[in-house]
Amino acid sequence: MSPAALQAVRAAATDWRARWPVHSGGVVLVWDGAGYGWKNCLRDANHERPGALAVDADGNVYRAEGGDDQGGALAWVVVT
């Protein structure tokens, strides 16, 4: 993922956090350039479709990989 793409994902997560301040910490879930949800910690990759992104409070980005749209992803992988 390019540095610009990473920055855009982080910006989407920051925007989501600004709109939902009750959800502090945890990870913001991002799909297609927009935040769509939150979890208190990174877990349950099988609940997300492959390609979904998660951004933690420190700005670390993770991508859901493997699996399929029906069964969900297999794992979260760090995006560098």
N, C-alpha and C. Protein backbone atom coordinates (compact mmCIF):
# COMPACT_ATOMS: atom_id res chain seq x y z
N MET A 1 0.85 -1.16 0.00
CA MET A 1 0.00 0.00 0.00
C MET A 1 0.91 1.23 0.00
N SER A 2 0.59 2.17 -0.84
CA SER A 2 1.42 3.37 -0.95
C SER A 2 1.27 4.25 0.29
N PRO A 3 2.26 5.10 0.55
CA PRO A 3 2.16 6.02 1.68
C PRO A 3 0.90 6.90 1.59
N ALA A 4 0.55 7.33 0.39
CA ALA A 4 -0.65 8.17 0.23
C ALA A 4 -1.91 7.39 0.57
N ALA A 5 -1.97 6.13 0.16
CA ALA A 5 -3.14 5.30 0.46
C ALA A 5 -3.24 5.04 1.96
N LEU A 6 -2.11 4.78 2.61
CA LEU A 6 -2.12 4.60 4.06
C LEU A 6 -2.62 5.86 4.77
N GLN A 7 -2.16 7.01 4.30
CA GLN A 7 -2.59 8.27 4.89
C GLN A 7 -4.09 8.47 4.72
N ALA A 8 -4.62 8.09 3.56
CA ALA A 8 -6.07 8.23 3.32
C ALA A 8 -6.87 7.31 4.24
N VAL A 9 -6.37 6.11 4.47
CA VAL A 9 -7.06 5.17 5.38
C VAL A 9 -7.04 5.73 6.80
N ARG A 10 -5.90 6.23 7.21
CA ARG A 10 -5.81 6.83 8.55
C ARG A 10 -6.73 8.04 8.69
N ALA A 11 -6.82 8.85 7.64
CA ALA A 11 -7.71 10.02 7.66
C ALA A 11 -9.17 9.59 7.77
N ALA A 12 -9.56 8.52 7.07
CA ALA A 12 -10.93 8.01 7.16
C ALA A 12 -11.23 7.55 8.59
N ALA A 13 -10.26 6.90 9.22
CA ALA A 13 -10.45 6.45 10.60
C ALA A 13 -10.54 7.64 11.55
N THR A 14 -9.71 8.65 11.34
CA THR A 14 -9.76 9.85 12.18
C THR A 14 -11.11 10.55 12.04
N ASP A 15 -11.62 10.64 10.82
CA ASP A 15 -12.93 11.24 10.59
C ASP A 15 -14.01 10.46 11.31
N TRP A 16 -13.97 9.14 11.24
CA TRP A 16 -14.96 8.30 11.91
C TRP A 16 -14.91 8.53 13.42
N ARG A 17 -13.70 8.56 13.96
CA ARG A 17 -13.55 8.79 15.41
C ARG A 17 -14.12 10.15 15.82
N ALA A 18 -13.94 11.15 14.97
CA ALA A 18 -14.48 12.49 15.29
C ALA A 18 -16.01 12.47 15.33
N ARG A 19 -16.62 11.66 14.46
CA ARG A 19 -18.08 11.58 14.42
C ARG A 19 -18.66 10.69 15.52
N TRP A 20 -17.85 9.78 16.05
CA TRP A 20 -18.30 8.83 17.08
C TRP A 20 -17.35 8.87 18.28
N PRO A 21 -17.29 9.99 18.99
CA PRO A 21 -16.30 10.15 20.07
C PRO A 21 -16.48 9.18 21.24
N VAL A 22 -17.63 8.58 21.37
CA VAL A 22 -17.86 7.63 22.45
C VAL A 22 -16.99 6.38 22.28
N HIS A 23 -16.53 6.11 21.07
CA HIS A 23 -15.69 4.95 20.80
C HIS A 23 -14.22 5.35 20.80
N SER A 24 -13.61 5.31 21.98
CA SER A 24 -12.19 5.66 22.06
C SER A 24 -11.36 4.37 22.05
N GLY A 25 -10.10 4.51 21.66
CA GLY A 25 -9.24 3.33 21.58
C GLY A 25 -9.74 2.38 20.52
N GLY A 26 -9.45 1.11 20.68
CA GLY A 26 -9.93 0.10 19.75
C GLY A 26 -9.46 0.32 18.33
N VAL A 27 -10.21 -0.23 17.38
CA VAL A 27 -9.90 -0.08 15.96
C VAL A 27 -11.13 0.40 15.20
N VAL A 28 -10.89 1.27 14.24
CA VAL A 28 -11.94 1.71 13.33
C VAL A 28 -11.82 0.88 12.06
N LEU A 29 -12.93 0.35 11.59
CA LEU A 29 -12.96 -0.46 10.37
C LEU A 29 -13.22 0.44 9.18
N VAL A 30 -12.46 0.21 8.11
CA VAL A 30 -12.54 1.06 6.92
C VAL A 30 -12.75 0.18 5.69
N TRP A 31 -13.69 0.60 4.84
CA TRP A 31 -13.93 -0.08 3.56
C TRP A 31 -14.17 0.98 2.51
N ASP A 32 -13.53 0.84 1.38
CA ASP A 32 -13.75 1.74 0.25
C ASP A 32 -13.57 3.21 0.64
N GLY A 33 -12.56 3.46 1.48
CA GLY A 33 -12.21 4.83 1.83
C GLY A 33 -13.05 5.49 2.91
N ALA A 34 -13.93 4.72 3.56
CA ALA A 34 -14.79 5.31 4.61
C ALA A 34 -14.86 4.40 5.82
N GLY A 35 -14.86 5.01 7.00
CA GLY A 35 -15.03 4.24 8.22
C GLY A 35 -16.46 3.71 8.29
N TYR A 36 -16.60 2.46 8.74
CA TYR A 36 -17.95 1.89 8.82
C TYR A 36 -18.24 1.22 10.15
N GLY A 37 -17.27 1.16 11.04
CA GLY A 37 -17.53 0.50 12.31
C GLY A 37 -16.35 0.58 13.25
N TRP A 38 -16.53 -0.03 14.41
CA TRP A 38 -15.52 0.03 15.46
C TRP A 38 -15.55 -1.27 16.25
N LYS A 39 -14.39 -1.70 16.73
CA LYS A 39 -14.27 -2.81 17.66
C LYS A 39 -13.32 -2.38 18.77
N ASN A 40 -13.53 -2.90 19.96
CA ASN A 40 -12.67 -2.49 21.07
C ASN A 40 -11.26 -3.05 20.96
N CYS A 41 -11.09 -4.10 20.14
CA CYS A 41 -9.76 -4.64 19.84
C CYS A 41 -9.81 -5.37 18.50
N LEU A 42 -8.66 -5.64 17.96
CA LEU A 42 -8.58 -6.32 16.67
C LEU A 42 -8.86 -7.80 16.89
N ARG A 43 -9.98 -8.28 16.36
CA ARG A 43 -10.38 -9.67 16.54
C ARG A 43 -11.36 -10.06 15.44
N ASP A 44 -11.70 -11.31 15.39
CA ASP A 44 -12.78 -11.80 14.52
C ASP A 44 -12.63 -11.39 13.06
N ALA A 45 -11.51 -11.73 12.44
CA ALA A 45 -11.33 -11.42 11.01
C ALA A 45 -12.44 -12.05 10.18
N ASN A 46 -12.98 -13.16 10.65
CA ASN A 46 -14.04 -13.83 9.89
C ASN A 46 -15.35 -13.04 9.88
N HIS A 47 -15.45 -11.99 10.66
CA HIS A 47 -16.63 -11.12 10.63
C HIS A 47 -16.51 -10.01 9.59
N GLU A 48 -15.35 -9.92 8.96
CA GLU A 48 -15.11 -8.88 7.95
C GLU A 48 -14.78 -9.53 6.61
N ARG A 49 -15.07 -8.84 5.53
CA ARG A 49 -14.74 -9.37 4.22
C ARG A 49 -13.28 -9.12 3.91
N PRO A 50 -12.67 -9.98 3.10
CA PRO A 50 -11.27 -9.76 2.73
C PRO A 50 -11.10 -8.37 2.09
N GLY A 51 -10.03 -7.70 2.49
CA GLY A 51 -9.76 -6.36 1.99
C GLY A 51 -10.19 -5.25 2.93
N ALA A 52 -11.01 -5.59 3.94
CA ALA A 52 -11.38 -4.59 4.94
C ALA A 52 -10.12 -4.17 5.69
N LEU A 53 -10.10 -2.93 6.13
CA LEU A 53 -8.95 -2.39 6.85
C LEU A 53 -9.37 -2.00 8.26
N ALA A 54 -8.43 -2.06 9.18
CA ALA A 54 -8.67 -1.63 10.56
C ALA A 54 -7.52 -0.72 10.96
N VAL A 55 -7.84 0.37 11.64
CA VAL A 55 -6.84 1.34 12.08
C VAL A 55 -6.96 1.49 13.58
N ASP A 56 -5.87 1.20 14.30
CA ASP A 56 -5.93 1.34 15.75
C ASP A 56 -5.66 2.79 16.16
N ALA A 57 -5.75 3.05 17.46
CA ALA A 57 -5.61 4.41 17.97
C ALA A 57 -4.22 5.00 17.75
N ASP A 58 -3.22 4.13 17.53
CA ASP A 58 -1.86 4.60 17.26
C ASP A 58 -1.59 4.80 15.77
N GLY A 59 -2.60 4.54 14.91
CA GLY A 59 -2.43 4.71 13.48
C GLY A 59 -1.91 3.49 12.74
N ASN A 60 -1.74 2.37 13.46
CA ASN A 60 -1.34 1.13 12.79
C ASN A 60 -2.49 0.62 11.94
N VAL A 61 -2.17 0.12 10.75
CA VAL A 61 -3.20 -0.32 9.80
C VAL A 61 -3.07 -1.83 9.59
N TYR A 62 -4.21 -2.51 9.56
CA TYR A 62 -4.28 -3.95 9.36
C TYR A 62 -5.28 -4.24 8.24
N ARG A 63 -5.00 -5.30 7.46
CA ARG A 63 -5.90 -5.68 6.38
C ARG A 63 -6.41 -7.10 6.64
N ALA A 64 -7.71 -7.30 6.44
CA ALA A 64 -8.31 -8.63 6.53
C ALA A 64 -7.95 -9.38 5.25
N GLU A 65 -7.34 -10.55 5.39
CA GLU A 65 -6.89 -11.29 4.21
C GLU A 65 -7.35 -12.74 4.26
N GLY A 66 -7.37 -13.36 3.08
CA GLY A 66 -7.78 -14.75 2.94
C GLY A 66 -9.29 -14.87 3.00
N GLY A 67 -9.78 -16.07 2.87
CA GLY A 67 -11.22 -16.29 2.96
C GLY A 67 -11.97 -15.77 1.76
N ASP A 68 -13.26 -15.47 1.98
CA ASP A 68 -14.12 -14.97 0.92
C ASP A 68 -15.21 -14.09 1.51
N ASP A 69 -16.00 -13.47 0.63
CA ASP A 69 -17.03 -12.54 1.09
C ASP A 69 -18.10 -13.21 1.94
N GLN A 70 -18.42 -14.48 1.67
CA GLN A 70 -19.46 -15.17 2.43
C GLN A 70 -18.95 -15.65 3.79
N GLY A 71 -17.78 -16.25 3.81
CA GLY A 71 -17.24 -16.81 5.06
C GLY A 71 -16.39 -15.86 5.85
N GLY A 72 -16.08 -14.70 5.28
CA GLY A 72 -15.24 -13.73 5.96
C GLY A 72 -13.76 -14.00 5.74
N ALA A 73 -12.96 -13.09 6.23
CA ALA A 73 -11.50 -13.19 6.09
C ALA A 73 -10.95 -14.23 7.05
N LEU A 74 -9.71 -14.63 6.82
CA LEU A 74 -9.06 -15.62 7.68
C LEU A 74 -8.20 -14.99 8.76
N ALA A 75 -7.59 -13.82 8.48
CA ALA A 75 -6.66 -13.22 9.44
C ALA A 75 -6.48 -11.75 9.19
N TRP A 76 -6.03 -11.05 10.20
CA TRP A 76 -5.60 -9.66 10.07
C TRP A 76 -4.09 -9.64 9.85
N VAL A 77 -3.64 -8.85 8.89
CA VAL A 77 -2.23 -8.74 8.55
C VAL A 77 -1.82 -7.28 8.64
N VAL A 78 -0.67 -7.02 9.23
CA VAL A 78 -0.16 -5.64 9.35
C VAL A 78 0.15 -5.11 7.96
N VAL A 79 -0.29 -3.88 7.70
CA VAL A 79 0.01 -3.20 6.44
C VAL A 79 1.21 -2.29 6.69
N THR A 80 2.24 -2.44 5.84
CA THR A 80 3.44 -1.61 6.01
C THR A 80 3.57 -0.64 4.87
